C-alpha atoms as a PDB file:
ATOM      1  CA  UNK A   1      45.979 -13.923 147.469  1.00  0.00           C
ATOM      2  CA  UNK A   2      42.978 -13.595 145.149  1.00  0.00           C
ATOM      3  CA  UNK A   3      42.412 -10.191 143.637  1.00  0.00           C
ATOM      4  CA  UNK A   4      39.025  -8.513 144.102  1.00  0.00           C
ATOM      5  CA  UNK A   5      37.521  -6.191 141.511  1.00  0.00           C
ATOM      6  CA  UNK A   6      35.455  -3.443 143.118  1.00  0.00           C
ATOM      7  CA  UNK A   7      32.374  -2.173 141.306  1.00  0.00           C
ATOM      8  CA  UNK A   8      32.607   1.307 139.880  1.00  0.00           C
ATOM      9  CA  UNK A   9      29.895   3.709 141.040  1.00  0.00           C
ATOM     10  CA  UNK A  10      27.700   5.176 138.361  1.00  0.00           C
ATOM     11  CA  UNK A  11      28.986   8.449 136.950  1.00  0.00           C
ATOM     12  CA  UNK A  12      32.431   8.009 138.517  1.00  0.00           C
ATOM     13  CA  UNK A  13      35.399   7.294 136.216  1.00  0.00           C
ATOM     14  CA  UNK A  14      37.226   4.068 136.953  1.00  0.00           C
ATOM     15  CA  UNK A  15      40.463   4.308 138.857  1.00  0.00           C
ATOM     16  CA  UNK A  16      43.762   4.241 137.055  1.00  0.00           C
ATOM     17  CA  UNK A  17      45.021   0.662 136.685  1.00  0.00           C
ATOM     18  CA  UNK A  18      41.599  -0.941 137.217  1.00  0.00           C
ATOM     19  CA  UNK A  19      40.393  -3.868 135.094  1.00  0.00           C
ATOM     20  CA  UNK A  20      38.020  -1.611 133.178  1.00  0.00           C
ATOM     21  CA  UNK A  21      40.829   0.661 132.053  1.00  0.00           C
ATOM     22  CA  UNK A  22      43.019  -2.340 131.272  1.00  0.00           C
ATOM     23  CA  UNK A  23      40.288  -3.999 129.261  1.00  0.00           C
ATOM     24  CA  UNK A  24      39.537  -0.842 127.332  1.00  0.00           C
ATOM     25  CA  UNK A  25      43.180  -0.258 126.550  1.00  0.00           C
ATOM     26  CA  UNK A  26      43.804  -3.828 125.450  1.00  0.00           C
ATOM     27  CA  UNK A  27      40.950  -3.583 122.964  1.00  0.00           C
ATOM     28  CA  UNK A  28      42.596  -0.667 121.207  1.00  0.00           C
ATOM     29  CA  UNK A  29      44.736  -1.712 118.208  1.00  0.00           C
ATOM     30  CA  UNK A  30      48.451  -1.071 118.677  1.00  0.00           C
ATOM     31  CA  UNK A  31      49.937   1.774 116.761  1.00  0.00           C
ATOM     32  CA  UNK A  32      52.472   0.736 114.156  1.00  0.00           C
ATOM     33  CA  UNK A  33      55.361   3.096 113.706  1.00  0.00           C
ATOM     34  CA  UNK A  34      56.582   3.899 110.219  1.00  0.00           C
ATOM     35  CA  UNK A  35      59.450   1.872 108.836  1.00  0.00           C
ATOM     36  CA  UNK A  36      61.540   5.005 108.319  1.00  0.00           C
ATOM     37  CA  UNK A  37      61.617   8.487 109.758  1.00  0.00           C
ATOM     38  CA  UNK A  38      63.048  10.297 106.733  1.00  0.00           C
ATOM     39  CA  UNK A  39      61.218  13.364 105.378  1.00  0.00           C
ATOM     40  CA  UNK A  40      58.770  12.956 102.538  1.00  0.00           C
ATOM     41  CA  UNK A  41      61.053  14.648 100.039  1.00  0.00           C
ATOM     42  CA  UNK A  42      63.722  11.995 100.677  1.00  0.00           C
ATOM     43  CA  UNK A  43      61.247   9.214  99.902  1.00  0.00           C
ATOM     44  CA  UNK A  44      60.079  10.806  96.665  1.00  0.00           C
ATOM     45  CA  UNK A  45      63.649  11.607  95.639  1.00  0.00           C
ATOM     46  CA  UNK A  46      64.620   7.956  95.984  1.00  0.00           C
ATOM     47  CA  UNK A  47      61.513   6.856  94.082  1.00  0.00           C
ATOM     48  CA  UNK A  48      62.314   9.358  91.318  1.00  0.00           C
ATOM     49  CA  UNK A  49      65.899   8.127  91.068  1.00  0.00           C
ATOM     50  CA  UNK A  50      64.698   4.523  90.809  1.00  0.00           C
ATOM     51  CA  UNK A  51      62.208   5.337  88.051  1.00  0.00           C
ATOM     52  CA  UNK A  52      64.790   7.483  86.265  1.00  0.00           C
ATOM     53  CA  UNK A  53      67.306   4.657  86.321  1.00  0.00           C
ATOM     54  CA  UNK A  54      64.737   2.150  85.036  1.00  0.00           C
ATOM     55  CA  UNK A  55      63.634   4.565  82.308  1.00  0.00           C
ATOM     56  CA  UNK A  56      67.191   5.198  81.129  1.00  0.00           C
ATOM     57  CA  UNK A  57      68.477   1.642  81.205  1.00  0.00           C
ATOM     58  CA  UNK A  58      65.310  -0.435  80.684  1.00  0.00           C
ATOM     59  CA  UNK A  59      62.303   1.356  79.207  1.00  0.00           C
ATOM     60  CA  UNK A  60      64.104   3.486  76.594  1.00  0.00           C
ATOM     61  CA  UNK A  61      66.241   0.591  75.199  1.00  0.00           C
ATOM     62  CA  UNK A  62      63.177  -1.646  75.067  1.00  0.00           C
ATOM     63  CA  UNK A  63      61.158   1.017  73.291  1.00  0.00           C
ATOM     64  CA  UNK A  64      64.048   1.607  70.881  1.00  0.00           C
ATOM     65  CA  UNK A  65      63.937  -2.033  69.793  1.00  0.00           C
ATOM     66  CA  UNK A  66      60.311  -1.743  68.666  1.00  0.00           C
ATOM     67  CA  UNK A  67      60.810   1.701  67.115  1.00  0.00           C
ATOM     68  CA  UNK A  68      63.796   0.528  65.061  1.00  0.00           C
ATOM     69  CA  UNK A  69      61.984  -2.671  64.083  1.00  0.00           C
ATOM     70  CA  UNK A  70      59.093  -0.687  62.575  1.00  0.00           C
ATOM     71  CA  UNK A  71      61.183   2.222  61.326  1.00  0.00           C
ATOM     72  CA  UNK A  72      61.030   1.179  57.663  1.00  0.00           C
ATOM     73  CA  UNK A  73      57.407   0.173  57.707  1.00  0.00           C
ATOM     74  CA  UNK A  74      55.291  -2.847  58.409  1.00  0.00           C
ATOM     75  CA  UNK A  75      56.077  -4.475  55.045  1.00  0.00           C
ATOM     76  CA  UNK A  76      59.812  -4.514  55.755  1.00  0.00           C
ATOM     77  CA  UNK A  77      59.124  -5.817  59.266  1.00  0.00           C
ATOM     78  CA  UNK A  78      56.959  -8.686  58.023  1.00  0.00           C
ATOM     79  CA  UNK A  79      59.479  -9.542  55.314  1.00  0.00           C
ATOM     80  CA  UNK A  80      62.280  -9.631  57.902  1.00  0.00           C
ATOM     81  CA  UNK A  81      60.508 -11.997  60.294  1.00  0.00           C
ATOM     82  CA  UNK A  82      59.179 -14.283  57.538  1.00  0.00           C
ATOM     83  CA  UNK A  83      62.498 -14.613  55.716  1.00  0.00           C
ATOM     84  CA  UNK A  84      63.730 -18.234  55.508  1.00  0.00           C
ATOM     85  CA  UNK A  85      66.686 -17.877  57.884  1.00  0.00           C
ATOM     86  CA  UNK A  86      64.580 -15.964  60.424  1.00  0.00           C
ATOM     87  CA  UNK A  87      61.847 -18.607  60.374  1.00  0.00           C
ATOM     88  CA  UNK A  88      64.473 -21.319  60.808  1.00  0.00           C
ATOM     89  CA  UNK A  89      65.898 -19.466  63.822  1.00  0.00           C
ATOM     90  CA  UNK A  90      62.448 -19.054  65.357  1.00  0.00           C
ATOM     91  CA  UNK A  91      61.629 -22.749  64.866  1.00  0.00           C
ATOM     92  CA  UNK A  92      64.950 -23.845  66.371  1.00  0.00           C
ATOM     93  CA  UNK A  93      64.514 -21.564  69.387  1.00  0.00           C
ATOM     94  CA  UNK A  94      61.028 -22.907  70.055  1.00  0.00           C
ATOM     95  CA  UNK A  95      62.246 -26.487  69.527  1.00  0.00           C
ATOM     96  CA  UNK A  96      65.107 -26.098  72.014  1.00  0.00           C
ATOM     97  CA  UNK A  97      62.715 -24.596  74.569  1.00  0.00           C
ATOM     98  CA  UNK A  98      60.062 -27.254  73.910  1.00  0.00           C
ATOM     99  CA  UNK A  99      62.591 -30.020  74.652  1.00  0.00           C
ATOM    100  CA  UNK A 100      64.587 -28.495  77.489  1.00  0.00           C
ATOM    101  CA  UNK A 101      61.723 -27.041  79.556  1.00  0.00           C
ATOM    102  CA  UNK A 102      59.743 -30.316  80.023  1.00  0.00           C
ATOM    103  CA  UNK A 103      62.962 -32.210  80.805  1.00  0.00           C
ATOM    104  CA  UNK A 104      63.947 -29.598  83.373  1.00  0.00           C
ATOM    105  CA  UNK A 105      60.435 -29.729  84.796  1.00  0.00           C
ATOM    106  CA  UNK A 106      60.790 -33.460  85.444  1.00  0.00           C
ATOM    107  CA  UNK A 107      64.312 -33.061  86.812  1.00  0.00           C
ATOM    108  CA  UNK A 108      63.352 -30.114  88.985  1.00  0.00           C
ATOM    109  CA  UNK A 109      60.385 -31.860  90.569  1.00  0.00           C
ATOM    110  CA  UNK A 110      62.425 -35.026  91.177  1.00  0.00           C
ATOM    111  CA  UNK A 111      65.361 -33.117  92.664  1.00  0.00           C
ATOM    112  CA  UNK A 112      63.119 -30.993  94.883  1.00  0.00           C
ATOM    113  CA  UNK A 113      61.215 -34.083  96.052  1.00  0.00           C
ATOM    114  CA  UNK A 114      64.411 -35.911  96.996  1.00  0.00           C
ATOM    115  CA  UNK A 115      66.045 -32.936  98.714  1.00  0.00           C
ATOM    116  CA  UNK A 116      62.948 -31.733 100.584  1.00  0.00           C
ATOM    117  CA  UNK A 117      61.439 -35.073 101.612  1.00  0.00           C
ATOM    118  CA  UNK A 118      64.484 -37.259 102.365  1.00  0.00           C
ATOM    119  CA  UNK A 119      67.734 -37.075 104.312  1.00  0.00           C
ATOM    120  CA  UNK A 120      70.702 -38.795 102.681  1.00  0.00           C
ATOM    121  CA  UNK A 121      74.453 -38.571 102.423  1.00  0.00           C
ATOM    122  CA  UNK A 122      75.563 -36.148  99.706  1.00  0.00           C
ATOM    123  CA  UNK A 123      72.485 -33.918  99.946  1.00  0.00           C
ATOM    124  CA  UNK A 124      74.566 -30.739 100.143  1.00  0.00           C
ATOM    125  CA  UNK A 125      76.647 -31.891  97.181  1.00  0.00           C
ATOM    126  CA  UNK A 126      73.487 -32.268  95.100  1.00  0.00           C
ATOM    127  CA  UNK A 127      72.357 -28.768  96.099  1.00  0.00           C
ATOM    128  CA  UNK A 128      75.732 -27.384  95.045  1.00  0.00           C
ATOM    129  CA  UNK A 129      75.587 -29.145  91.679  1.00  0.00           C
ATOM    130  CA  UNK A 130      72.121 -27.722  91.025  1.00  0.00           C
ATOM    131  CA  UNK A 131      73.553 -24.222  91.460  1.00  0.00           C
ATOM    132  CA  UNK A 132      76.513 -24.929  89.158  1.00  0.00           C
ATOM    133  CA  UNK A 133      75.049 -23.250  86.031  1.00  0.00           C
ATOM    134  CA  UNK A 134      74.585 -20.052  88.055  1.00  0.00           C
ATOM    135  CA  UNK A 135      78.309 -19.876  88.832  1.00  0.00           C
ATOM    136  CA  UNK A 136      79.804 -21.187  85.572  1.00  0.00           C
ATOM    137  CA  UNK A 137      79.884 -18.958  82.500  1.00  0.00           C
ATOM    138  CA  UNK A 138      77.618 -20.240  79.695  1.00  0.00           C
ATOM    139  CA  UNK A 139      80.578 -19.983  77.302  1.00  0.00           C
ATOM    140  CA  UNK A 140      82.526 -22.405  79.492  1.00  0.00           C
ATOM    141  CA  UNK A 141      79.545 -24.755  79.487  1.00  0.00           C
ATOM    142  CA  UNK A 142      79.549 -24.701  75.685  1.00  0.00           C
ATOM    143  CA  UNK A 143      83.289 -25.400  75.583  1.00  0.00           C
ATOM    144  CA  UNK A 144      82.790 -28.371  77.916  1.00  0.00           C
ATOM    145  CA  UNK A 145      80.336 -29.918  75.460  1.00  0.00           C
ATOM    146  CA  UNK A 146      82.752 -29.280  72.587  1.00  0.00           C
ATOM    147  CA  UNK A 147      85.553 -31.031  74.502  1.00  0.00           C
ATOM    148  CA  UNK A 148      83.295 -33.987  75.247  1.00  0.00           C
ATOM    149  CA  UNK A 149      81.299 -34.405  72.017  1.00  0.00           C
ATOM    150  CA  UNK A 150      83.403 -32.553  69.420  1.00  0.00           C
ATOM    151  CA  UNK A 151      85.440 -34.290  66.714  1.00  0.00           C
ATOM    152  CA  UNK A 152      88.554 -34.028  68.880  1.00  0.00           C
ATOM    153  CA  UNK A 153      86.668 -34.702  72.108  1.00  0.00           C
ATOM    154  CA  UNK A 154      86.361 -37.749  74.322  1.00  0.00           C
ATOM    155  CA  UNK A 155      83.533 -39.326  72.331  1.00  0.00           C
ATOM    156  CA  UNK A 156      84.224 -37.567  69.036  1.00  0.00           C
ATOM    157  CA  UNK A 157      85.677 -40.544  67.190  1.00  0.00           C
ATOM    158  CA  UNK A 158      82.921 -42.908  68.324  1.00  0.00           C
ATOM    159  CA  UNK A 159      80.221 -40.403  67.364  1.00  0.00           C
ATOM    160  CA  UNK A 160      81.812 -39.878  63.938  1.00  0.00           C
ATOM    161  CA  UNK A 161      82.035 -43.625  63.291  1.00  0.00           C
ATOM    162  CA  UNK A 162      78.328 -44.011  64.127  1.00  0.00           C
ATOM    163  CA  UNK A 163      77.333 -40.896  62.134  1.00  0.00           C
ATOM    164  CA  UNK A 164      75.979 -39.097  65.196  1.00  0.00           C
ATOM    165  CA  UNK A 165      76.311 -35.312  65.143  1.00  0.00           C
ATOM    166  CA  UNK A 166      75.943 -33.446  68.402  1.00  0.00           C
ATOM    167  CA  UNK A 167      78.199 -30.410  68.183  1.00  0.00           C
ATOM    168  CA  UNK A 168      77.210 -27.972  65.410  1.00  0.00           C
ATOM    169  CA  UNK A 169      73.808 -29.596  65.366  1.00  0.00           C
ATOM    170  CA  UNK A 170      70.439 -29.468  67.112  1.00  0.00           C
ATOM    171  CA  UNK A 171      71.401 -32.005  69.841  1.00  0.00           C
ATOM    172  CA  UNK A 172      74.273 -29.810  70.982  1.00  0.00           C
ATOM    173  CA  UNK A 173      72.009 -26.761  71.156  1.00  0.00           C
ATOM    174  CA  UNK A 174      69.481 -28.691  73.221  1.00  0.00           C
ATOM    175  CA  UNK A 175      72.191 -29.983  75.585  1.00  0.00           C
ATOM    176  CA  UNK A 176      73.616 -26.486  76.082  1.00  0.00           C
ATOM    177  CA  UNK A 177      70.127 -25.109  76.729  1.00  0.00           C
ATOM    178  CA  UNK A 178      69.435 -27.883  79.211  1.00  0.00           C
ATOM    179  CA  UNK A 179      72.593 -27.095  81.144  1.00  0.00           C
ATOM    180  CA  UNK A 180      71.956 -23.375  81.583  1.00  0.00           C
ATOM    181  CA  UNK A 181      68.264 -23.767  82.470  1.00  0.00           C
ATOM    182  CA  UNK A 182      68.009 -26.802  84.737  1.00  0.00           C
ATOM    183  CA  UNK A 183      68.359 -24.966  88.109  1.00  0.00           C
ATOM    184  CA  UNK A 184      65.277 -22.763  87.665  1.00  0.00           C
ATOM    185  CA  UNK A 185      62.486 -25.238  88.406  1.00  0.00           C
ATOM    186  CA  UNK A 186      64.356 -27.023  91.183  1.00  0.00           C
ATOM    187  CA  UNK A 187      65.349 -23.790  92.907  1.00  0.00           C
ATOM    188  CA  UNK A 188      61.741 -22.562  92.974  1.00  0.00           C
ATOM    189  CA  UNK A 189      60.401 -25.806  94.437  1.00  0.00           C
ATOM    190  CA  UNK A 190      63.033 -26.768  97.024  1.00  0.00           C
ATOM    191  CA  UNK A 191      62.371 -23.979  99.594  1.00  0.00           C
ATOM    192  CA  UNK A 192      58.601 -24.366  99.290  1.00  0.00           C
ATOM    193  CA  UNK A 193      58.619 -28.146  99.677  1.00  0.00           C
ATOM    194  CA  UNK A 194      61.021 -27.919 102.622  1.00  0.00           C
ATOM    195  CA  UNK A 195      58.695 -25.444 104.335  1.00  0.00           C
ATOM    196  CA  UNK A 196      55.661 -27.667 103.755  1.00  0.00           C
ATOM    197  CA  UNK A 197      57.302 -30.671 105.384  1.00  0.00           C
ATOM    198  CA  UNK A 198      56.222 -34.286 104.946  1.00  0.00           C
ATOM    199  CA  UNK A 199      53.192 -34.518 107.255  1.00  0.00           C
ATOM    200  CA  UNK A 200      50.594 -34.428 104.474  1.00  0.00           C
ATOM    201  CA  UNK A 201      52.393 -37.081 102.429  1.00  0.00           C
ATOM    202  CA  UNK A 202      52.720 -39.307 105.478  1.00  0.00           C
ATOM    203  CA  UNK A 203      49.004 -38.911 106.192  1.00  0.00           C
ATOM    204  CA  UNK A 204      48.176 -39.887 102.615  1.00  0.00           C
ATOM    205  CA  UNK A 205      50.339 -43.004 102.844  1.00  0.00           C
ATOM    206  CA  UNK A 206      48.685 -43.970 106.132  1.00  0.00           C
ATOM    207  CA  UNK A 207      45.293 -43.675 104.419  1.00  0.00           C
ATOM    208  CA  UNK A 208      46.431 -46.106 101.725  1.00  0.00           C
ATOM    209  CA  UNK A 209      47.582 -43.877  98.853  1.00  0.00           C
ATOM    210  CA  UNK A 210      50.482 -45.107  96.765  1.00  0.00           C
ATOM    211  CA  UNK A 211      53.406 -42.939  95.642  1.00  0.00           C
ATOM    212  CA  UNK A 212      51.814 -41.570  92.455  1.00  0.00           C
ATOM    213  CA  UNK A 213      48.498 -40.884  94.156  1.00  0.00           C
ATOM    214  CA  UNK A 214      50.300 -39.030  96.939  1.00  0.00           C
ATOM    215  CA  UNK A 215      52.185 -36.930  94.419  1.00  0.00           C
ATOM    216  CA  UNK A 216      49.256 -36.015  92.164  1.00  0.00           C
ATOM    217  CA  UNK A 217      46.647 -35.504  94.899  1.00  0.00           C
ATOM    218  CA  UNK A 218      48.732 -34.044  97.744  1.00  0.00           C
ATOM    219  CA  UNK A 219      52.121 -32.736  96.651  1.00  0.00           C
ATOM    220  CA  UNK A 220      51.342 -31.331  93.201  1.00  0.00           C
ATOM    221  CA  UNK A 221      48.355 -29.162  94.291  1.00  0.00           C
ATOM    222  CA  UNK A 222      50.574 -27.591  96.958  1.00  0.00           C
ATOM    223  CA  UNK A 223      53.415 -26.725  94.559  1.00  0.00           C
ATOM    224  CA  UNK A 224      51.569 -26.039  91.301  1.00  0.00           C
ATOM    225  CA  UNK A 225      52.001 -22.254  91.329  1.00  0.00           C
ATOM    226  CA  UNK A 226      55.672 -22.367  92.276  1.00  0.00           C
ATOM    227  CA  UNK A 227      56.137 -25.031  89.601  1.00  0.00           C
ATOM    228  CA  UNK A 228      54.509 -22.820  86.990  1.00  0.00           C
ATOM    229  CA  UNK A 229      56.679 -19.902  88.112  1.00  0.00           C
ATOM    230  CA  UNK A 230      59.835 -21.981  87.652  1.00  0.00           C
ATOM    231  CA  UNK A 231      58.701 -23.186  84.223  1.00  0.00           C
ATOM    232  CA  UNK A 232      58.125 -19.586  83.091  1.00  0.00           C
ATOM    233  CA  UNK A 233      61.629 -18.551  84.177  1.00  0.00           C
ATOM    234  CA  UNK A 234      63.136 -21.663  82.606  1.00  0.00           C
ATOM    235  CA  UNK A 235      61.386 -21.001  79.293  1.00  0.00           C
ATOM    236  CA  UNK A 236      62.516 -17.356  79.247  1.00  0.00           C
ATOM    237  CA  UNK A 237      66.151 -18.366  79.751  1.00  0.00           C
ATOM    238  CA  UNK A 238      65.906 -21.146  77.168  1.00  0.00           C
ATOM    239  CA  UNK A 239      64.674 -18.801  74.435  1.00  0.00           C
ATOM    240  CA  UNK A 240      67.154 -16.042  75.238  1.00  0.00           C
ATOM    241  CA  UNK A 241      70.315 -18.088  75.810  1.00  0.00           C
ATOM    242  CA  UNK A 242      73.266 -16.897  73.743  1.00  0.00           C
ATOM    243  CA  UNK A 243      76.670 -17.855  75.193  1.00  0.00           C
ATOM    244  CA  UNK A 244      76.528 -21.643  75.458  1.00  0.00           C
ATOM    245  CA  UNK A 245      74.454 -22.026  72.290  1.00  0.00           C
ATOM    246  CA  UNK A 246      76.858 -19.784  70.362  1.00  0.00           C
ATOM    247  CA  UNK A 247      79.784 -22.096  71.131  1.00  0.00           C
ATOM    248  CA  UNK A 248      78.093 -25.370  70.137  1.00  0.00           C
ATOM    249  CA  UNK A 249      75.984 -24.157  67.205  1.00  0.00           C
ATOM    250  CA  UNK A 250      78.590 -23.358  64.562  1.00  0.00           C
ATOM    251  CA  UNK A 251      76.488 -20.399  63.320  1.00  0.00           C
ATOM    252  CA  UNK A 252      75.201 -22.301  60.308  1.00  0.00           C
ATOM    253  CA  UNK A 253      72.549 -20.214  58.574  1.00  0.00           C
ATOM    254  CA  UNK A 254      69.163 -21.830  58.369  1.00  0.00           C
ATOM    255  CA  UNK A 255      70.286 -24.825  60.433  1.00  0.00           C
ATOM    256  CA  UNK A 256      71.867 -24.058  63.825  1.00  0.00           C
ATOM    257  CA  UNK A 257      71.102 -20.385  64.407  1.00  0.00           C
ATOM    258  CA  UNK A 258      68.664 -19.589  67.186  1.00  0.00           C
ATOM    259  CA  UNK A 259      66.970 -16.201  67.444  1.00  0.00           C
ATOM    260  CA  UNK A 260      69.746 -14.543  69.500  1.00  0.00           C
ATOM    261  CA  UNK A 261      72.405 -15.839  67.082  1.00  0.00           C
ATOM    262  CA  UNK A 262      70.382 -14.724  64.053  1.00  0.00           C
ATOM    263  CA  UNK A 263      70.075 -11.231  65.558  1.00  0.00           C
ATOM    264  CA  UNK A 264      73.832 -11.033  66.092  1.00  0.00           C
ATOM    265  CA  UNK A 265      74.650 -12.120  62.531  1.00  0.00           C
ATOM    266  CA  UNK A 266      72.121  -9.753  60.961  1.00  0.00           C
ATOM    267  CA  UNK A 267      73.395  -6.830  63.034  1.00  0.00           C
ATOM    268  CA  UNK A 268      77.044  -7.558  62.209  1.00  0.00           C
ATOM    269  CA  UNK A 269      76.104  -7.575  58.512  1.00  0.00           C
ATOM    270  CA  UNK A 270      74.413  -4.144  58.878  1.00  0.00           C
ATOM    271  CA  UNK A 271      70.958  -5.626  58.286  1.00  0.00           C
ATOM    272  CA  UNK A 272      69.525  -3.487  61.034  1.00  0.00           C
ATOM    273  CA  UNK A 273      65.874  -3.855  60.037  1.00  0.00           C
ATOM    274  CA  UNK A 274      66.117  -7.647  60.110  1.00  0.00           C
ATOM    275  CA  UNK A 275      68.067  -7.649  63.374  1.00  0.00           C
ATOM    276  CA  UNK A 276      65.635  -5.358  65.196  1.00  0.00           C
ATOM    277  CA  UNK A 277      62.603  -7.149  63.749  1.00  0.00           C
ATOM    278  CA  UNK A 278      63.642 -10.513  65.196  1.00  0.00           C
ATOM    279  CA  UNK A 279      64.816  -8.752  68.363  1.00  0.00           C
ATOM    280  CA  UNK A 280      61.326  -7.289  68.774  1.00  0.00           C
ATOM    281  CA  UNK A 281      59.872 -10.802  68.637  1.00  0.00           C
ATOM    282  CA  UNK A 282      62.274 -11.929  71.342  1.00  0.00           C
ATOM    283  CA  UNK A 283      61.494  -8.826  73.408  1.00  0.00           C
ATOM    284  CA  UNK A 284      57.778  -9.448  72.952  1.00  0.00           C
ATOM    285  CA  UNK A 285      58.183 -12.988  74.252  1.00  0.00           C
ATOM    286  CA  UNK A 286      60.090 -11.570  77.219  1.00  0.00           C
ATOM    287  CA  UNK A 287      57.267  -9.114  77.979  1.00  0.00           C
ATOM    288  CA  UNK A 288      54.697 -11.909  77.822  1.00  0.00           C
ATOM    289  CA  UNK A 289      56.897 -13.892  80.192  1.00  0.00           C
ATOM    290  CA  UNK A 290      57.035 -10.958  82.607  1.00  0.00           C
ATOM    291  CA  UNK A 291      53.250 -10.612  82.581  1.00  0.00           C
ATOM    292  CA  UNK A 292      52.801 -14.326  83.270  1.00  0.00           C
ATOM    293  CA  UNK A 293      55.463 -14.134  85.980  1.00  0.00           C
ATOM    294  CA  UNK A 294      53.632 -11.240  87.648  1.00  0.00           C
ATOM    295  CA  UNK A 295      50.285 -13.052  87.562  1.00  0.00           C
ATOM    296  CA  UNK A 296      51.796 -16.194  89.052  1.00  0.00           C
ATOM    297  CA  UNK A 297      53.575 -14.168  91.739  1.00  0.00           C
ATOM    298  CA  UNK A 298      50.272 -12.579  92.724  1.00  0.00           C
ATOM    299  CA  UNK A 299      48.636 -15.991  92.916  1.00  0.00           C
ATOM    300  CA  UNK A 300      51.509 -17.378  95.019  1.00  0.00           C
ATOM    301  CA  UNK A 301      51.264 -14.448  97.450  1.00  0.00           C
ATOM    302  CA  UNK A 302      47.508 -14.901  97.741  1.00  0.00           C
ATOM    303  CA  UNK A 303      47.966 -18.598  98.404  1.00  0.00           C
ATOM    304  CA  UNK A 304      50.576 -17.832 101.082  1.00  0.00           C
ATOM    305  CA  UNK A 305      48.239 -15.373 102.805  1.00  0.00           C
ATOM    306  CA  UNK A 306      45.423 -17.914 102.738  1.00  0.00           C
ATOM    307  CA  UNK A 307      47.711 -20.556 104.233  1.00  0.00           C
ATOM    308  CA  UNK A 308      48.775 -18.202 107.031  1.00  0.00           C
ATOM    309  CA  UNK A 309      45.181 -17.284 107.730  1.00  0.00           C
ATOM    310  CA  UNK A 310      44.182 -20.946 107.865  1.00  0.00           C
ATOM    311  CA  UNK A 311      47.084 -21.740 110.208  1.00  0.00           C
ATOM    312  CA  UNK A 312      46.137 -18.825 112.474  1.00  0.00           C
ATOM    313  CA  UNK A 313      42.511 -19.981 112.554  1.00  0.00           C
ATOM    314  CA  UNK A 314      43.597 -23.509 113.557  1.00  0.00           C
ATOM    315  CA  UNK A 315      45.540 -22.111 116.505  1.00  0.00           C
END
């Protein structure tokens, strides 16, 4: 039976349940209840505890590093960071990061592409291997390289006969840094590329684009911010790595000491000004990394909101 809507006489309110009432009610925005029903003092107490914890265990130690670094004056600080061993440690740290980060960028993009765009046997095994550095202690990773490339290792005799030095040299430090940092780029890209699917790449191939054109014109613009985010995290870990590098470096002054190792040696020798001076440089790099990370996160969130808005508009 077809419903009939009766006209409402002028000056008379519409009847309860009529289309007018229903239409008016549907136009009103729904009220959103609060996420919690706790009193206000509970909320501010929890916020105060969080800020107190961060102040005690994060802000005060970080501030102490810079205070101790400048405690004896700017001249002592400059002398500590420009001393020959300190400069060598800074150069080696930047070199290890400059080699390992681009290699992990290439590996991460390739691994994410394969895992997100293709189905193959052993896919879960590859995902597990990517997460291996997160579950294995960096010290164990360093010991593995010593057992493989050390003088008494599997390839030690062959390397010695060919005058190739990996352990207690720059190659060993780079290998150890590669191992502990290679999951970061891949782990940032895999979920995003899986969510994006393969429709855009398939459309590009149908239109005649080859593999490289599809990657640079379709895939890369969609993952560029997540890729940058992963590179920032990878670089931060590469510069601050201690455990694996400590095992394979040999702690040779001016040759195989990175910034974290130089800080440890200076502190153990009661050279507190030198230790805190180099530590302040490392902390400063960490703060810059955090700022870049925050900016990229904001850009990624904005891009996600724009994508959701575009998808809603299409529907």
